[in-house]
Amino acid sequence: MKEVLDLIQKMRVECGWDKTDTLPILIKSVSVEAAELLETIQWDDNDFKEERIKSELADVLMYALSIAIDNNWDVKELLKDKIDEVYKRYLIKND
């Protein structure tokens, strides 16, 4: 995971985006890119281009991970905490 985060941050620094990205910009960008991901199946759930989906998903992930990078949040811990929360909320227990 560190390698991926380092690649994203290297790109952001080289493009100068590390100086201009703010939390509101990154959050809005996640939403915009998620909408573009949705557009890949907008007209037909069964006719989609895998490469376009992968490209838009990468955009979503890069913006989302940039939020974690800028706030020094441990992505692994964020995900583990969320998965634990989901299990607590949705796991059906047979007592």
PDB file of N, CA and C in Angstrom:
ATOM      1  N   MET A   1       0.829  -1.199   0.000  1.00  0.00           N
ATOM      2  CA  MET A   1       0.000   0.000   0.000  1.00  0.00           C
ATOM      3  C   MET A   1       0.869   1.257   0.000  1.00  0.00           C
ATOM      4  N   LYS A   2       1.971   1.220   0.739  1.00  0.00           N
ATOM      5  CA  LYS A   2       2.843   2.395   0.783  1.00  0.00           C
ATOM      6  C   LYS A   2       3.361   2.743  -0.602  1.00  0.00           C
ATOM      7  N   GLU A   3       3.683   1.736  -1.395  1.00  0.00           N
ATOM      8  CA  GLU A   3       4.179   1.978  -2.744  1.00  0.00           C
ATOM      9  C   GLU A   3       3.137   2.724  -3.590  1.00  0.00           C
ATOM     10  N   VAL A   4       1.883   2.323  -3.459  1.00  0.00           N
ATOM     11  CA  VAL A   4       0.797   2.980  -4.206  1.00  0.00           C
ATOM     12  C   VAL A   4       0.637   4.423  -3.740  1.00  0.00           C
ATOM     13  N   LEU A   5       0.618   4.631  -2.438  1.00  0.00           N
ATOM     14  CA  LEU A   5       0.483   5.986  -1.899  1.00  0.00           C
ATOM     15  C   LEU A   5       1.652   6.863  -2.338  1.00  0.00           C
ATOM     16  N   ASP A   6       2.864   6.297  -2.333  1.00  0.00           N
ATOM     17  CA  ASP A   6       4.036   7.051  -2.773  1.00  0.00           C
ATOM     18  C   ASP A   6       3.942   7.431  -4.248  1.00  0.00           C
ATOM     19  N   LEU A   7       3.440   6.517  -5.085  1.00  0.00           N
ATOM     20  CA  LEU A   7       3.269   6.816  -6.517  1.00  0.00           C
ATOM     21  C   LEU A   7       2.270   7.953  -6.723  1.00  0.00           C
ATOM     22  N   ILE A   8       1.171   7.896  -5.984  1.00  0.00           N
ATOM     23  CA  ILE A   8       0.161   8.953  -6.096  1.00  0.00           C
ATOM     24  C   ILE A   8       0.747  10.289  -5.662  1.00  0.00           C
ATOM     25  N   GLN A   9       1.428  10.298  -4.534  1.00  0.00           N
ATOM     26  CA  GLN A   9       1.981  11.548  -4.030  1.00  0.00           C
ATOM     27  C   GLN A   9       3.071  12.091  -4.950  1.00  0.00           C
ATOM     28  N   LYS A  10       3.891  11.214  -5.516  1.00  0.00           N
ATOM     29  CA  LYS A  10       4.925  11.635  -6.455  1.00  0.00           C
ATOM     30  C   LYS A  10       4.287  12.338  -7.653  1.00  0.00           C
ATOM     31  N   MET A  11       3.217  11.753  -8.194  1.00  0.00           N
ATOM     32  CA  MET A  11       2.511  12.357  -9.315  1.00  0.00           C
ATOM     33  C   MET A  11       1.950  13.724  -8.924  1.00  0.00           C
ATOM     34  N   ARG A  12       1.340  13.793  -7.738  1.00  0.00           N
ATOM     35  CA  ARG A  12       0.744  15.051  -7.289  1.00  0.00           C
ATOM     36  C   ARG A  12       1.804  16.134  -7.141  1.00  0.00           C
ATOM     37  N   VAL A  13       2.954  15.781  -6.586  1.00  0.00           N
ATOM     38  CA  VAL A  13       4.036  16.752  -6.414  1.00  0.00           C
ATOM     39  C   VAL A  13       4.563  17.204  -7.772  1.00  0.00           C
ATOM     40  N   GLU A  14       4.815  16.250  -8.661  1.00  0.00           N
ATOM     41  CA  GLU A  14       5.359  16.592  -9.976  1.00  0.00           C
ATOM     42  C   GLU A  14       4.401  17.447 -10.800  1.00  0.00           C
ATOM     43  N   CYS A  15       3.096  17.274 -10.584  1.00  0.00           N
ATOM     44  CA  CYS A  15       2.093  18.083 -11.295  1.00  0.00           C
ATOM     45  C   CYS A  15       1.742  19.368 -10.549  1.00  0.00           C
ATOM     46  N   GLY A  16       2.253  19.512  -9.325  1.00  0.00           N
ATOM     47  CA  GLY A  16       1.966  20.698  -8.519  1.00  0.00           C
ATOM     48  C   GLY A  16       0.638  20.650  -7.799  1.00  0.00           C
ATOM     49  N   TRP A  17      -0.048  19.519  -7.878  1.00  0.00           N
ATOM     50  CA  TRP A  17      -1.368  19.417  -7.261  1.00  0.00           C
ATOM     51  C   TRP A  17      -1.299  19.340  -5.743  1.00  0.00           C
ATOM     52  N   ASP A  18      -0.178  18.925  -5.198  1.00  0.00           N
ATOM     53  CA  ASP A  18      -0.042  18.874  -3.741  1.00  0.00           C
ATOM     54  C   ASP A  18      -0.158  20.272  -3.140  1.00  0.00           C
ATOM     55  N   LYS A  19       0.125  21.293  -3.957  1.00  0.00           N
ATOM     56  CA  LYS A  19       0.053  22.689  -3.479  1.00  0.00           C
ATOM     57  C   LYS A  19      -1.354  23.274  -3.626  1.00  0.00           C
ATOM     58  N   THR A  20      -2.139  22.704  -4.540  1.00  0.00           N
ATOM     59  CA  THR A  20      -3.457  23.294  -4.812  1.00  0.00           C
ATOM     60  C   THR A  20      -4.623  22.460  -4.280  1.00  0.00           C
ATOM     61  N   ASP A  21      -4.396  21.173  -4.075  1.00  0.00           N
ATOM     62  CA  ASP A  21      -5.485  20.322  -3.568  1.00  0.00           C
ATOM     63  C   ASP A  21      -5.844  20.713  -2.144  1.00  0.00           C
ATOM     64  N   THR A  22      -7.118  20.880  -1.929  1.00  0.00           N
ATOM     65  CA  THR A  22      -7.636  21.099  -0.576  1.00  0.00           C
ATOM     66  C   THR A  22      -8.621  19.971  -0.289  1.00  0.00           C
ATOM     67  N   LEU A  23      -8.984  19.825   0.957  1.00  0.00           N
ATOM     68  CA  LEU A  23      -9.951  18.784   1.304  1.00  0.00           C
ATOM     69  C   LEU A  23     -11.256  18.953   0.523  1.00  0.00           C
ATOM     70  N   PRO A  24     -11.834  20.163   0.463  1.00  0.00           N
ATOM     71  CA  PRO A  24     -13.060  20.307  -0.328  1.00  0.00           C
ATOM     72  C   PRO A  24     -12.873  19.951  -1.802  1.00  0.00           C
ATOM     73  N   ILE A  25     -11.737  20.338  -2.397  1.00  0.00           N
ATOM     74  CA  ILE A  25     -11.490  20.010  -3.803  1.00  0.00           C
ATOM     75  C   ILE A  25     -11.416  18.496  -3.985  1.00  0.00           C
ATOM     76  N   LEU A  26     -10.709  17.821  -3.095  1.00  0.00           N
ATOM     77  CA  LEU A  26     -10.561  16.366  -3.218  1.00  0.00           C
ATOM     78  C   LEU A  26     -11.889  15.641  -3.022  1.00  0.00           C
ATOM     79  N   ILE A  27     -12.675  16.081  -2.065  1.00  0.00           N
ATOM     80  CA  ILE A  27     -13.981  15.451  -1.828  1.00  0.00           C
ATOM     81  C   ILE A  27     -14.887  15.644  -3.042  1.00  0.00           C
ATOM     82  N   LYS A  28     -14.921  16.852  -3.577  1.00  0.00           N
ATOM     83  CA  LYS A  28     -15.722  17.107  -4.778  1.00  0.00           C
ATOM     84  C   LYS A  28     -15.219  16.260  -5.940  1.00  0.00           C
ATOM     85  N   SER A  29     -13.914  16.119  -6.055  1.00  0.00           N
ATOM     86  CA  SER A  29     -13.336  15.347  -7.154  1.00  0.00           C
ATOM     87  C   SER A  29     -13.699  13.875  -7.056  1.00  0.00           C
ATOM     88  N   VAL A  30     -13.745  13.335  -5.845  1.00  0.00           N
ATOM     89  CA  VAL A  30     -14.185  11.946  -5.671  1.00  0.00           C
ATOM     90  C   VAL A  30     -15.601  11.799  -6.221  1.00  0.00           C
ATOM     91  N   SER A  31     -16.459  12.748  -5.884  1.00  0.00           N
ATOM     92  CA  SER A  31     -17.845  12.695  -6.335  1.00  0.00           C
ATOM     93  C   SER A  31     -17.950  12.811  -7.851  1.00  0.00           C
ATOM     94  N   VAL A  32     -17.200  13.727  -8.437  1.00  0.00           N
ATOM     95  CA  VAL A  32     -17.219  13.912  -9.892  1.00  0.00           C
ATOM     96  C   VAL A  32     -16.743  12.640 -10.591  1.00  0.00           C
ATOM     97  N   GLU A  33     -15.649  12.076 -10.104  1.00  0.00           N
ATOM     98  CA  GLU A  33     -15.108  10.867 -10.727  1.00  0.00           C
ATOM     99  C   GLU A  33     -16.027   9.667 -10.507  1.00  0.00           C
ATOM    100  N   ALA A  34     -16.699   9.602  -9.357  1.00  0.00           N
ATOM    101  CA  ALA A  34     -17.669   8.528  -9.126  1.00  0.00           C
ATOM    102  C   ALA A  34     -18.827   8.640 -10.117  1.00  0.00           C
ATOM    103  N   ALA A  35     -19.228   9.865 -10.425  1.00  0.00           N
ATOM    104  CA  ALA A  35     -20.282  10.064 -11.422  1.00  0.00           C
ATOM    105  C   ALA A  35     -19.800   9.611 -12.801  1.00  0.00           C
ATOM    106  N   GLU A  36     -18.540   9.868 -13.112  1.00  0.00           N
ATOM    107  CA  GLU A  36     -17.998   9.406 -14.391  1.00  0.00           C
ATOM    108  C   GLU A  36     -17.919   7.879 -14.422  1.00  0.00           C
ATOM    109  N   LEU A  37     -17.646   7.269 -13.293  1.00  0.00           N
ATOM    110  CA  LEU A  37     -17.675   5.807 -13.205  1.00  0.00           C
ATOM    111  C   LEU A  37     -19.087   5.297 -13.464  1.00  0.00           C
ATOM    112  N   LEU A  38     -20.069   5.954 -12.886  1.00  0.00           N
ATOM    113  CA  LEU A  38     -21.463   5.591 -13.113  1.00  0.00           C
ATOM    114  C   LEU A  38     -21.844   5.717 -14.584  1.00  0.00           C
ATOM    115  N   GLU A  39     -21.324   6.733 -15.244  1.00  0.00           N
ATOM    116  CA  GLU A  39     -21.624   6.934 -16.667  1.00  0.00           C
ATOM    117  C   GLU A  39     -21.195   5.748 -17.530  1.00  0.00           C
ATOM    118  N   THR A  40     -20.246   4.961 -17.051  1.00  0.00           N
ATOM    119  CA  THR A  40     -19.778   3.827 -17.856  1.00  0.00           C
ATOM    120  C   THR A  40     -20.865   2.776 -18.054  1.00  0.00           C
ATOM    121  N   ILE A  41     -21.895   2.793 -17.216  1.00  0.00           N
ATOM    122  CA  ILE A  41     -23.021   1.858 -17.363  1.00  0.00           C
ATOM    123  C   ILE A  41     -24.356   2.587 -17.443  1.00  0.00           C
ATOM    124  N   GLN A  42     -24.310   3.867 -17.675  1.00  0.00           N
ATOM    125  CA  GLN A  42     -25.521   4.690 -17.627  1.00  0.00           C
ATOM    126  C   GLN A  42     -26.619   4.198 -18.551  1.00  0.00           C
ATOM    127  N   TRP A  43     -26.290   3.835 -19.770  1.00  0.00           N
ATOM    128  CA  TRP A  43     -27.330   3.515 -20.740  1.00  0.00           C
ATOM    129  C   TRP A  43     -27.602   2.036 -20.870  1.00  0.00           C
ATOM    130  N   ASP A  44     -26.669   1.208 -20.436  1.00  0.00           N
ATOM    131  CA  ASP A  44     -26.861  -0.225 -20.584  1.00  0.00           C
ATOM    132  C   ASP A  44     -26.004  -0.958 -19.564  1.00  0.00           C
ATOM    133  N   ASP A  45     -26.661  -1.608 -18.610  1.00  0.00           N
ATOM    134  CA  ASP A  45     -25.939  -2.326 -17.559  1.00  0.00           C
ATOM    135  C   ASP A  45     -25.121  -3.495 -18.097  1.00  0.00           C
ATOM    136  N   ASN A  46     -25.429  -3.936 -19.292  1.00  0.00           N
ATOM    137  CA  ASN A  46     -24.759  -5.112 -19.850  1.00  0.00           C
ATOM    138  C   ASN A  46     -23.766  -4.782 -20.957  1.00  0.00           C
ATOM    139  N   ASP A  47     -23.659  -3.528 -21.320  1.00  0.00           N
ATOM    140  CA  ASP A  47     -22.746  -3.131 -22.388  1.00  0.00           C
ATOM    141  C   ASP A  47     -21.806  -2.066 -21.842  1.00  0.00           C
ATOM    142  N   PHE A  48     -20.654  -2.498 -21.404  1.00  0.00           N
ATOM    143  CA  PHE A  48     -19.709  -1.554 -20.838  1.00  0.00           C
ATOM    144  C   PHE A  48     -18.302  -1.877 -21.305  1.00  0.00           C
ATOM    145  N   LYS A  49     -17.459  -0.883 -21.201  1.00  0.00           N
ATOM    146  CA  LYS A  49     -16.063  -0.998 -21.604  1.00  0.00           C
ATOM    147  C   LYS A  49     -15.205  -1.134 -20.350  1.00  0.00           C
ATOM    148  N   GLU A  50     -14.625  -2.305 -20.180  1.00  0.00           N
ATOM    149  CA  GLU A  50     -13.839  -2.584 -18.981  1.00  0.00           C
ATOM    150  C   GLU A  50     -12.703  -1.575 -18.789  1.00  0.00           C
ATOM    151  N   GLU A  51     -12.024  -1.198 -19.851  1.00  0.00           N
ATOM    152  CA  GLU A  51     -10.905  -0.254 -19.729  1.00  0.00           C
ATOM    153  C   GLU A  51     -11.373   1.102 -19.220  1.00  0.00           C
ATOM    154  N   ARG A  52     -12.537   1.531 -19.671  1.00  0.00           N
ATOM    155  CA  ARG A  52     -13.069   2.823 -19.188  1.00  0.00           C
ATOM    156  C   ARG A  52     -13.446   2.739 -17.718  1.00  0.00           C
ATOM    157  N   ILE A  53     -14.031   1.612 -17.316  1.00  0.00           N
ATOM    158  CA  ILE A  53     -14.381   1.418 -15.903  1.00  0.00           C
ATOM    159  C   ILE A  53     -13.122   1.450 -15.051  1.00  0.00           C
ATOM    160  N   LYS A  54     -12.091   0.744 -15.488  1.00  0.00           N
ATOM    161  CA  LYS A  54     -10.840   0.714 -14.739  1.00  0.00           C
ATOM    162  C   LYS A  54     -10.229   2.109 -14.626  1.00  0.00           C
ATOM    163  N   SER A  55     -10.292   2.880 -15.702  1.00  0.00           N
ATOM    164  CA  SER A  55      -9.742   4.228 -15.691  1.00  0.00           C
ATOM    165  C   SER A  55     -10.488   5.134 -14.709  1.00  0.00           C
ATOM    166  N   GLU A  56     -11.805   5.083 -14.755  1.00  0.00           N
ATOM    167  CA  GLU A  56     -12.595   5.926 -13.847  1.00  0.00           C
ATOM    168  C   GLU A  56     -12.451   5.471 -12.389  1.00  0.00           C
ATOM    169  N   LEU A  57     -12.383   4.167 -12.178  1.00  0.00           N
ATOM    170  CA  LEU A  57     -12.164   3.652 -10.826  1.00  0.00           C
ATOM    171  C   LEU A  57     -10.820   4.124 -10.291  1.00  0.00           C
ATOM    172  N   ALA A  58      -9.797   4.115 -11.139  1.00  0.00           N
ATOM    173  CA  ALA A  58      -8.481   4.606 -10.723  1.00  0.00           C
ATOM    174  C   ALA A  58      -8.551   6.074 -10.315  1.00  0.00           C
ATOM    175  N   ASP A  59      -9.314   6.884 -11.062  1.00  0.00           N
ATOM    176  CA  ASP A  59      -9.483   8.293 -10.690  1.00  0.00           C
ATOM    177  C   ASP A  59     -10.110   8.426  -9.312  1.00  0.00           C
ATOM    178  N   VAL A  60     -11.175   7.663  -9.067  1.00  0.00           N
ATOM    179  CA  VAL A  60     -11.847   7.698  -7.757  1.00  0.00           C
ATOM    180  C   VAL A  60     -10.857   7.333  -6.660  1.00  0.00           C
ATOM    181  N   LEU A  61     -10.141   6.255  -6.877  1.00  0.00           N
ATOM    182  CA  LEU A  61      -9.192   5.786  -5.860  1.00  0.00           C
ATOM    183  C   LEU A  61      -8.077   6.802  -5.620  1.00  0.00           C
ATOM    184  N   MET A  62      -7.546   7.399  -6.682  1.00  0.00           N
ATOM    185  CA  MET A  62      -6.459   8.368  -6.503  1.00  0.00           C
ATOM    186  C   MET A  62      -6.914   9.587  -5.695  1.00  0.00           C
ATOM    187  N   TYR A  63      -8.095  10.080  -5.988  1.00  0.00           N
ATOM    188  CA  TYR A  63      -8.585  11.228  -5.209  1.00  0.00           C
ATOM    189  C   TYR A  63      -8.873  10.827  -3.764  1.00  0.00           C
ATOM    190  N   ALA A  64      -9.493   9.688  -3.570  1.00  0.00           N
ATOM    191  CA  ALA A  64      -9.805   9.237  -2.211  1.00  0.00           C
ATOM    192  C   ALA A  64      -8.530   8.996  -1.411  1.00  0.00           C
ATOM    193  N   LEU A  65      -7.563   8.351  -2.027  1.00  0.00           N
ATOM    194  CA  LEU A  65      -6.304   8.096  -1.327  1.00  0.00           C
ATOM    195  C   LEU A  65      -5.529   9.388  -1.080  1.00  0.00           C
ATOM    196  N   SER A  66      -5.696  10.363  -1.950  1.00  0.00           N
ATOM    197  CA  SER A  66      -5.058  11.667  -1.722  1.00  0.00           C
ATOM    198  C   SER A  66      -5.598  12.327  -0.459  1.00  0.00           C
ATOM    199  N   ILE A  67      -6.873  12.131  -0.176  1.00  0.00           N
ATOM    200  CA  ILE A  67      -7.453  12.652   1.068  1.00  0.00           C
ATOM    201  C   ILE A  67      -6.736  12.031   2.263  1.00  0.00           C
ATOM    202  N   ALA A  68      -6.538  10.723   2.212  1.00  0.00           N
ATOM    203  CA  ALA A  68      -5.842  10.035   3.310  1.00  0.00           C
ATOM    204  C   ALA A  68      -4.393  10.506   3.419  1.00  0.00           C
ATOM    205  N   ILE A  69      -3.726  10.655   2.286  1.00  0.00           N
ATOM    206  CA  ILE A  69      -2.332  11.118   2.287  1.00  0.00           C
ATOM    207  C   ILE A  69      -2.223  12.480   2.951  1.00  0.00           C
ATOM    208  N   ASP A  70      -3.060  13.415   2.522  1.00  0.00           N
ATOM    209  CA  ASP A  70      -2.982  14.790   3.030  1.00  0.00           C
ATOM    210  C   ASP A  70      -3.312  14.897   4.518  1.00  0.00           C
ATOM    211  N   ASN A  71      -4.072  13.945   5.031  1.00  0.00           N
ATOM    212  CA  ASN A  71      -4.465  13.988   6.434  1.00  0.00           C
ATOM    213  C   ASN A  71      -3.686  12.999   7.297  1.00  0.00           C
ATOM    214  N   ASN A  72      -2.676  12.375   6.685  1.00  0.00           N
ATOM    215  CA  ASN A  72      -1.854  11.397   7.404  1.00  0.00           C
ATOM    216  C   ASN A  72      -2.694  10.290   8.039  1.00  0.00           C
ATOM    217  N   TRP A  73      -3.708   9.854   7.320  1.00  0.00           N
ATOM    218  CA  TRP A  73      -4.561   8.764   7.794  1.00  0.00           C
ATOM    219  C   TRP A  73      -4.030   7.446   7.258  1.00  0.00           C
ATOM    220  N   ASP A  74      -3.989   6.457   8.101  1.00  0.00           N
ATOM    221  CA  ASP A  74      -3.535   5.127   7.725  1.00  0.00           C
ATOM    222  C   ASP A  74      -4.677   4.422   6.987  1.00  0.00           C
ATOM    223  N   VAL A  75      -4.496   4.194   5.698  1.00  0.00           N
ATOM    224  CA  VAL A  75      -5.549   3.611   4.867  1.00  0.00           C
ATOM    225  C   VAL A  75      -5.927   2.219   5.374  1.00  0.00           C
ATOM    226  N   LYS A  76      -4.951   1.444   5.740  1.00  0.00           N
ATOM    227  CA  LYS A  76      -5.224   0.095   6.242  1.00  0.00           C
ATOM    228  C   LYS A  76      -6.097   0.152   7.492  1.00  0.00           C
ATOM    229  N   GLU A  77      -5.786   1.068   8.396  1.00  0.00           N
ATOM    230  CA  GLU A  77      -6.598   1.212   9.610  1.00  0.00           C
ATOM    231  C   GLU A  77      -8.001   1.721   9.296  1.00  0.00           C
ATOM    232  N   LEU A  78      -8.107   2.670   8.371  1.00  0.00           N
ATOM    233  CA  LEU A  78      -9.431   3.165   7.962  1.00  0.00           C
ATOM    234  C   LEU A  78     -10.298   2.013   7.467  1.00  0.00           C
ATOM    235  N   LEU A  79      -9.705   1.192   6.603  1.00  0.00           N
ATOM    236  CA  LEU A  79     -10.465   0.074   6.040  1.00  0.00           C
ATOM    237  C   LEU A  79     -10.792  -0.986   7.079  1.00  0.00           C
ATOM    238  N   LYS A  80      -9.838  -1.304   7.924  1.00  0.00           N
ATOM    239  CA  LYS A  80     -10.092  -2.292   8.975  1.00  0.00           C
ATOM    240  C   LYS A  80     -11.206  -1.815   9.907  1.00  0.00           C
ATOM    241  N   ASP A  81     -11.161  -0.549  10.300  1.00  0.00           N
ATOM    242  CA  ASP A  81     -12.197   0.001  11.180  1.00  0.00           C
ATOM    243  C   ASP A  81     -13.568  -0.046  10.506  1.00  0.00           C
ATOM    244  N   LYS A  82     -13.613   0.281   9.223  1.00  0.00           N
ATOM    245  CA  LYS A  82     -14.887   0.270   8.504  1.00  0.00           C
ATOM    246  C   LYS A  82     -15.412  -1.148   8.355  1.00  0.00           C
ATOM    247  N   ILE A  83     -14.541  -2.084   8.052  1.00  0.00           N
ATOM    248  CA  ILE A  83     -14.965  -3.483   7.932  1.00  0.00           C
ATOM    249  C   ILE A  83     -15.500  -3.989   9.262  1.00  0.00           C
ATOM    250  N   ASP A  84     -14.832  -3.643  10.355  1.00  0.00           N
ATOM    251  CA  ASP A  84     -15.325  -4.023  11.687  1.00  0.00           C
ATOM    252  C   ASP A  84     -16.713  -3.441  11.939  1.00  0.00           C
ATOM    253  N   GLU A  85     -16.895  -2.179  11.559  1.00  0.00           N
ATOM    254  CA  GLU A  85     -18.189  -1.511  11.720  1.00  0.00           C
ATOM    255  C   GLU A  85     -19.273  -2.215  10.910  1.00  0.00           C
ATOM    256  N   VAL A  86     -18.949  -2.592   9.689  1.00  0.00           N
ATOM    257  CA  VAL A  86     -19.915  -3.290   8.835  1.00  0.00           C
ATOM    258  C   VAL A  86     -20.304  -4.623   9.449  1.00  0.00           C
ATOM    259  N   TYR A  87     -19.311  -5.369   9.923  1.00  0.00           N
ATOM    260  CA  TYR A  87     -19.614  -6.649  10.565  1.00  0.00           C
ATOM    261  C   TYR A  87     -20.523  -6.463  11.774  1.00  0.00           C
ATOM    262  N   LYS A  88     -20.253  -5.465  12.589  1.00  0.00           N
ATOM    263  CA  LYS A  88     -21.080  -5.213  13.772  1.00  0.00           C
ATOM    264  C   LYS A  88     -22.507  -4.847  13.385  1.00  0.00           C
ATOM    265  N   ARG A  89     -22.644  -4.108  12.303  1.00  0.00           N
ATOM    266  CA  ARG A  89     -23.956  -3.635  11.884  1.00  0.00           C
ATOM    267  C   ARG A  89     -24.756  -4.687  11.124  1.00  0.00           C
ATOM    268  N   TYR A  90     -24.092  -5.467  10.287  1.00  0.00           N
ATOM    269  CA  TYR A  90     -24.819  -6.318   9.355  1.00  0.00           C
ATOM    270  C   TYR A  90     -24.671  -7.818   9.574  1.00  0.00           C
ATOM    271  N   LEU A  91     -23.711  -8.209  10.342  1.00  0.00           N
ATOM    272  CA  LEU A  91     -23.507  -9.640  10.532  1.00  0.00           C
ATOM    273  C   LEU A  91     -24.653 -10.210  11.353  1.00  0.00           C
ATOM    274  N   ILE A  92     -25.290 -11.219  10.816  1.00  0.00           N
ATOM    275  CA  ILE A  92     -26.401 -11.858  11.510  1.00  0.00           C
ATOM    276  C   ILE A  92     -25.807 -12.914  12.430  1.00  0.00           C
ATOM    277  N   LYS A  93     -26.116 -12.794  13.689  1.00  0.00           N
ATOM    278  CA  LYS A  93     -25.576 -13.726  14.663  1.00  0.00           C
ATOM    279  C   LYS A  93     -26.633 -14.752  15.018  1.00  0.00           C
ATOM    280  N   ASN A  94     -26.227 -15.973  15.044  1.00  0.00           N
ATOM    281  CA  ASN A  94     -27.127 -17.073  15.408  1.00  0.00           C
ATOM    282  C   ASN A  94     -26.855 -17.440  16.861  1.00  0.00           C
ATOM    283  N   ASP A  95     -27.530 -16.763  17.760  1.00  0.00           N
ATOM    284  CA  ASP A  95     -27.342 -17.040  19.193  1.00  0.00           C
ATOM    285  C   ASP A  95     -28.296 -18.083  19.687  1.00  0.00           C
TER     286      ASP A  95
END
